[in-house]
Structure formats: C-alpha cells, structure tokens
Amino acid sequence: MNKVNLKLLWIAAAISLICTVLFYQYLSSLEKQEEDKKYVQVVVAKQDLPPNTKITKDLLEVKKILIVSIQDSVKEEDAIGKYVKETILANEPIKRERLVADNTKQLFMKIPEDKRAVSVQVNEYIAVADLIEPGNFVDIYINQEEKTIETENGKVNYINMTKLSLQNIQVLAISKRDVIDEEEREKTPTAYSITLAVTPSDAEKLIYAENYGTIKLALRPINDKNIATTYGVNEVTMRN
C-alpha cells in the first residue's frame, strides 16, 4: 500500500470517527430534550407538613418532577402564608387541594395569632341595632353594678361604674339567622351571640363582665386603630 492510499485511509477513518461522535452527540441531545419534556420544576415540601401548618419559605424547595405528578400544583408565592389542610409528605408537590382555601368558613382558621375566640350574648340594643358584621371592630363598655364584697380586712363597697374596658376588638362571627316569615320571626329569640377575637386576659374580663355585670358594644369606624384613654363614669362623675 503506497503512502497516498494509507493517507486516504487515515483520513477516511478520522472522518468516520468524527461523524460517529457527532451522531452520538446529536442522539444524546435528542434524548436530553425528550427527557426535559417529561420533567418540570415544581415547589415541593422539604419535610412532612401536618394539618394546620402555616407554610413558610423555609419549608419549601424547588425540584424537577415528572409532568404527570404536578397536576394542580401551586407556585411558591401562592403557597407561602397558606395553611395545610391535609398532610403533605416530604418531596411531595404542593397542591391546591391540600391547602385551606382563602374563603374557608372554619372559624379556627380566622382567629388572629395570640387571640382566642369568645362568644357573648347580645341583642339589638347591645349590638348597635344589629348593624355589626363579621370583620368589623368594636369597643366594649362594661357596666358593673354596686356591690359589697367581704374580705379579710372587712367589707369593700363598689359603686356603679361604666368603663370602656376593651378596644379595637375584631368580630369573627355572628350567629343570628335571617328569618323572613313573620310568624317564624316572632318565635325567634331576640338574643344571639357575637364571637370576638380577644387576648386571654381580655377574655377573662369579658366573661366576668357578662356574668356579673352588663356589656354594650360600640362599632368603630373603618381603619380606626386609635386607643382612647378614659377613666370610667359613675354617679359622682356624671354630676360633675
């Protein structure tokens, strides 16, 4: 074999090798493209999330998941701040059906942090002519009647006093149902309950006042967060 033929043989072998490599790279790129089509980045839970867990950013991560597994999954910004309705396992996509809906009617989901839901009995006179609605904010005036209490140091006399005791209290729910039929309306008691969001210490005051005095609600203007300073009113101060 002469040198020319040998050289042509080497060139043909090199071209064949290059073509093989290029063809392999092409097939690999096709496989990668096909694989990429099967996967998509979704938000998953970093750990098991039991019911009533509030979702925060540190509880989530992004992973590639098969497309068939991501039906009804939500974006990270749509999951943060929501509460878990059903247990979400670690590495499981966050799906809308596992989260508590924004319009849920479950009362416990509406109670602000560090507050308690307490119901008090009211009527049209106590509750601003029935004009209070869930989501409103009210002030609560407490009236304590005159009484004498026996103590270790003797008797202590308390005079009548009306005091603005609780302010800017959120109304969570109202139990009164609408009755259209006049005959049924006559059978419906005028008293009903209003559920309020209060701190544990305010709950004590409210429950005590309801049992040993009377209360009256005042509806606050929208967006009014001011806290008034008052000193209460009794027979003496009313005459001054």
Protein backbone atom coordinates (compact mmCIF):
# COMPACT_ATOMS: atom_id res chain seq x y z
CA MET A 1 0.00 0.00 0.00
CA ASN A 2 1.51 3.30 -1.09
CA LYS A 3 1.68 6.36 1.07
CA VAL A 4 -1.20 8.09 -0.74
CA ASN A 5 -3.60 5.21 -0.13
CA LEU A 6 -2.52 4.99 3.51
CA LYS A 7 -3.09 8.69 3.97
CA LEU A 8 -6.56 8.45 2.41
CA LEU A 9 -7.35 5.53 4.70
CA TRP A 10 -6.43 7.55 7.78
CA ILE A 11 -8.48 10.50 6.57
CA ALA A 12 -11.49 8.25 5.98
CA ALA A 13 -11.10 6.72 9.44
CA ALA A 14 -10.88 10.17 11.03
CA ILE A 15 -13.96 11.39 9.17
CA SER A 16 -15.82 8.24 10.19
CA LEU A 17 -14.85 8.77 13.83
CA ILE A 18 -15.90 12.43 13.75
CA CYS A 19 -19.23 11.51 12.17
CA THR A 20 -19.78 8.84 14.81
CA VAL A 21 -19.05 11.30 17.64
CA LEU A 22 -21.29 13.98 16.13
CA PHE A 23 -24.09 11.47 15.58
CA TYR A 24 -23.78 10.25 19.19
CA GLN A 25 -23.89 13.86 20.46
CA TYR A 26 -26.95 14.50 18.32
CA LEU A 27 -28.73 11.44 19.71
CA SER A 28 -27.77 12.46 23.26
CA SER A 29 -29.18 15.96 22.71
CA LEU A 30 -32.42 14.46 21.41
CA GLU A 31 -32.65 12.20 24.46
CA LYS A 32 -31.99 15.15 26.77
CA GLN A 33 -34.63 17.25 25.03
CA GLU A 34 -37.10 14.38 25.30
CA GLU A 35 -36.22 13.91 28.98
CA ASP A 36 -36.58 17.64 29.66
CA LYS A 37 -40.06 17.50 28.19
CA LYS A 38 -41.04 14.89 30.80
CA TYR A 39 -39.88 16.94 33.79
CA VAL A 40 -40.69 20.39 35.11
CA GLN A 41 -39.60 22.40 38.16
CA VAL A 42 -42.23 22.49 40.90
CA VAL A 43 -42.46 23.52 44.53
CA VAL A 44 -42.31 20.60 46.99
CA ALA A 45 -42.29 20.22 50.77
CA LYS A 46 -38.86 19.91 52.42
CA GLN A 47 -40.39 17.85 55.22
CA ASP A 48 -43.71 16.32 56.25
CA LEU A 49 -46.27 19.09 56.82
CA PRO A 50 -49.12 18.09 59.16
CA PRO A 51 -52.56 19.75 59.04
CA ASN A 52 -52.81 23.37 60.29
CA THR A 53 -49.14 24.07 59.50
CA LYS A 54 -48.58 27.59 58.17
CA ILE A 55 -46.38 27.33 55.08
CA THR A 56 -43.24 29.49 55.09
CA LYS A 57 -40.47 29.82 52.51
CA ASP A 58 -38.03 27.69 54.53
CA LEU A 59 -40.46 24.74 54.37
CA LEU A 60 -40.36 24.67 50.57
CA GLU A 61 -37.85 23.84 47.83
CA VAL A 62 -37.88 23.52 44.05
CA LYS A 63 -37.31 20.15 42.36
CA LYS A 64 -37.67 18.58 38.92
CA ILE A 65 -40.73 16.33 38.88
CA LEU A 66 -42.40 14.22 36.21
CA ILE A 67 -45.10 16.21 34.47
CA VAL A 68 -47.71 13.56 35.31
CA SER A 69 -47.14 14.28 39.02
CA ILE A 70 -47.75 18.03 39.01
CA GLN A 71 -51.45 18.34 38.31
CA ASP A 72 -52.97 21.22 40.29
CA SER A 73 -49.62 22.14 41.89
CA VAL A 74 -49.15 25.75 43.02
CA LYS A 75 -46.37 28.29 42.70
CA GLU A 76 -44.20 29.17 45.67
CA GLU A 77 -45.73 32.63 46.10
CA ASP A 78 -49.21 31.08 46.10
CA ALA A 79 -48.28 28.56 48.81
CA ILE A 80 -46.47 30.83 51.28
CA GLY A 81 -48.81 32.00 54.05
CA LYS A 82 -51.39 29.31 53.41
CA TYR A 83 -52.32 26.61 55.95
CA VAL A 84 -52.11 22.87 55.33
CA LYS A 85 -55.50 21.11 55.24
CA GLU A 86 -54.25 17.54 54.65
CA THR A 87 -50.81 16.12 55.41
CA ILE A 88 -48.20 16.88 52.74
CA LEU A 89 -45.27 14.45 52.70
CA ALA A 90 -41.64 15.45 52.19
CA ASN A 91 -40.78 15.93 48.48
CA GLU A 92 -44.47 15.91 47.56
CA PRO A 93 -45.62 18.75 45.26
CA ILE A 94 -47.71 21.41 46.99
CA LYS A 95 -51.20 21.00 45.52
CA ARG A 96 -54.10 23.39 45.92
CA GLU A 97 -56.40 20.65 47.23
CA ARG A 98 -54.10 20.13 50.24
CA LEU A 99 -54.31 23.78 51.33
CA VAL A 100 -57.01 25.62 53.25
CA ALA A 101 -58.93 27.84 50.85
CA ASP A 102 -58.87 31.61 51.40
CA ASN A 103 -62.67 31.65 51.70
CA THR A 104 -62.84 28.89 54.31
CA LYS A 105 -65.68 29.11 56.81
CA GLN A 106 -63.76 27.24 59.53
CA LEU A 107 -63.61 29.64 62.45
CA PHE A 108 -60.32 28.42 63.92
CA MET A 109 -58.55 29.50 60.72
CA LYS A 110 -59.79 33.07 61.17
CA ILE A 111 -58.54 33.62 64.72
CA PRO A 112 -55.54 36.00 64.77
CA GLU A 113 -52.32 34.79 66.36
CA ASP A 114 -52.24 35.00 70.18
CA LYS A 115 -56.01 35.60 70.32
CA ARG A 116 -58.96 33.48 71.45
CA ALA A 117 -62.48 33.27 70.06
CA VAL A 118 -65.04 34.10 72.76
CA SER A 119 -68.79 34.40 72.23
CA VAL A 120 -71.02 36.77 74.17
CA GLN A 121 -74.79 37.03 74.17
CA VAL A 122 -76.19 40.26 72.75
CA ASN A 123 -79.39 41.73 71.37
CA GLU A 124 -80.35 44.60 69.09
CA TYR A 125 -79.88 47.16 71.87
CA ILE A 126 -76.47 45.89 72.94
CA ALA A 127 -75.10 45.32 69.43
CA VAL A 128 -75.68 48.67 67.65
CA ALA A 129 -79.14 47.85 66.28
CA ASP A 130 -77.90 44.64 64.66
CA LEU A 131 -75.65 46.62 62.30
CA ILE A 132 -72.42 44.88 63.30
CA GLU A 133 -70.97 42.49 60.72
CA PRO A 134 -68.19 39.86 60.85
CA GLY A 135 -64.89 41.60 60.16
CA ASN A 136 -65.93 44.81 61.94
CA PHE A 137 -64.08 46.10 65.00
CA VAL A 138 -65.84 47.14 68.18
CA ASP A 139 -65.21 48.68 71.58
CA ILE A 140 -66.77 47.06 74.64
CA TYR A 141 -68.17 49.06 77.54
CA ILE A 142 -68.66 47.22 80.81
CA ASN A 143 -71.15 48.26 83.46
CA GLN A 144 -70.61 46.98 86.99
CA GLU A 145 -73.42 47.35 89.50
CA GLU A 146 -72.98 48.49 93.07
CA LYS A 147 -71.98 45.68 95.39
CA THR A 148 -70.31 44.95 98.70
CA ILE A 149 -67.64 42.27 98.99
CA GLU A 150 -66.45 40.67 102.22
CA THR A 151 -62.65 40.48 102.51
CA GLU A 152 -60.17 39.53 105.24
CA ASN A 153 -59.85 43.22 106.05
CA GLY A 154 -63.57 43.87 106.17
CA LYS A 155 -66.19 44.98 103.69
CA VAL A 156 -65.33 46.69 100.41
CA ASN A 157 -68.02 48.73 98.69
CA TYR A 158 -68.01 49.13 94.92
CA ILE A 159 -70.22 51.78 93.35
CA ASN A 160 -71.85 51.61 89.94
CA MET A 161 -69.29 52.14 87.20
CA THR A 162 -69.36 52.16 83.41
CA LYS A 163 -65.95 51.77 81.81
CA LEU A 164 -64.55 51.44 78.30
CA SER A 165 -62.67 48.22 79.01
CA LEU A 166 -61.82 46.64 75.64
CA GLN A 167 -60.97 48.47 72.42
CA ASN A 168 -60.45 47.58 68.76
CA ILE A 169 -61.85 44.06 69.14
CA GLN A 170 -62.39 42.08 65.94
CA VAL A 171 -65.76 40.46 65.28
CA LEU A 172 -65.21 36.91 63.97
CA ALA A 173 -68.76 35.64 63.59
CA ILE A 174 -72.41 36.36 64.32
CA SER A 175 -74.86 33.52 64.94
CA LYS A 176 -78.16 35.29 64.29
CA ARG A 177 -80.00 33.77 61.33
CA ASP A 178 -82.25 35.70 58.99
CA VAL A 179 -85.93 34.84 59.30
CA ILE A 180 -88.26 36.08 56.55
CA ASP A 181 -91.58 34.63 57.63
CA GLU A 182 -93.23 36.97 60.16
CA GLU A 183 -94.72 34.11 62.18
CA GLU A 184 -91.32 32.45 62.45
CA ARG A 185 -89.71 35.78 63.33
CA GLU A 186 -91.92 36.01 66.42
CA LYS A 187 -90.62 32.64 67.56
CA THR A 188 -87.01 33.61 67.02
CA PRO A 189 -85.31 34.83 70.22
CA THR A 190 -84.05 38.40 70.09
CA ALA A 191 -80.83 37.37 71.81
CA TYR A 192 -77.99 35.94 69.74
CA SER A 193 -74.24 35.55 70.03
CA ILE A 194 -71.32 37.50 68.65
CA THR A 195 -67.91 35.83 68.58
CA LEU A 196 -64.95 38.11 69.25
CA ALA A 197 -61.17 37.75 68.93
CA VAL A 198 -59.61 38.70 72.26
CA THR A 199 -56.41 38.07 74.18
CA PRO A 200 -56.58 35.51 77.01
CA SER A 201 -56.55 38.28 79.64
CA ASP A 202 -59.28 40.22 77.83
CA ALA A 203 -61.30 37.02 77.62
CA GLU A 204 -61.29 36.89 81.42
CA LYS A 205 -62.61 40.45 81.67
CA LEU A 206 -65.28 39.80 79.07
CA ILE A 207 -66.54 36.58 80.64
CA TYR A 208 -66.56 38.13 84.11
CA ALA A 209 -68.45 41.20 82.89
CA GLU A 210 -71.05 39.08 81.11
CA ASN A 211 -71.67 37.01 84.23
CA TYR A 212 -71.53 39.75 86.89
CA GLY A 213 -72.46 42.91 85.01
CA THR A 214 -73.62 44.03 81.59
CA ILE A 215 -71.82 44.90 78.37
CA LYS A 216 -72.50 47.19 75.43
CA LEU A 217 -70.76 47.21 72.05
CA ALA A 218 -69.75 50.30 70.09
CA LEU A 219 -68.92 49.98 66.39
CA ARG A 220 -65.59 51.52 65.37
CA PRO A 221 -65.01 53.46 62.12
CA ILE A 222 -63.13 51.68 59.35
CA ASN A 223 -59.32 51.70 59.74
CA ASP A 224 -59.50 53.45 63.13
CA LYS A 225 -56.77 51.90 65.29
CA ASN A 226 -56.58 54.63 67.94
CA ILE A 227 -56.85 53.60 71.58
CA ALA A 228 -58.71 56.12 73.74
CA THR A 229 -57.82 56.87 77.35
CA THR A 230 -60.88 57.01 79.60
CA TYR A 231 -61.41 56.78 83.34
CA GLY A 232 -64.93 55.43 83.60
CA VAL A 233 -68.13 57.06 84.73
CA ASN A 234 -70.10 56.69 87.96
CA GLU A 235 -72.81 58.60 89.82
CA VAL A 236 -70.34 61.17 91.13
CA THR A 237 -68.54 61.92 87.86
CA MET A 238 -71.82 62.11 85.94
CA ARG A 239 -72.94 65.01 88.19
CA ASN A 240 -69.71 66.99 87.78
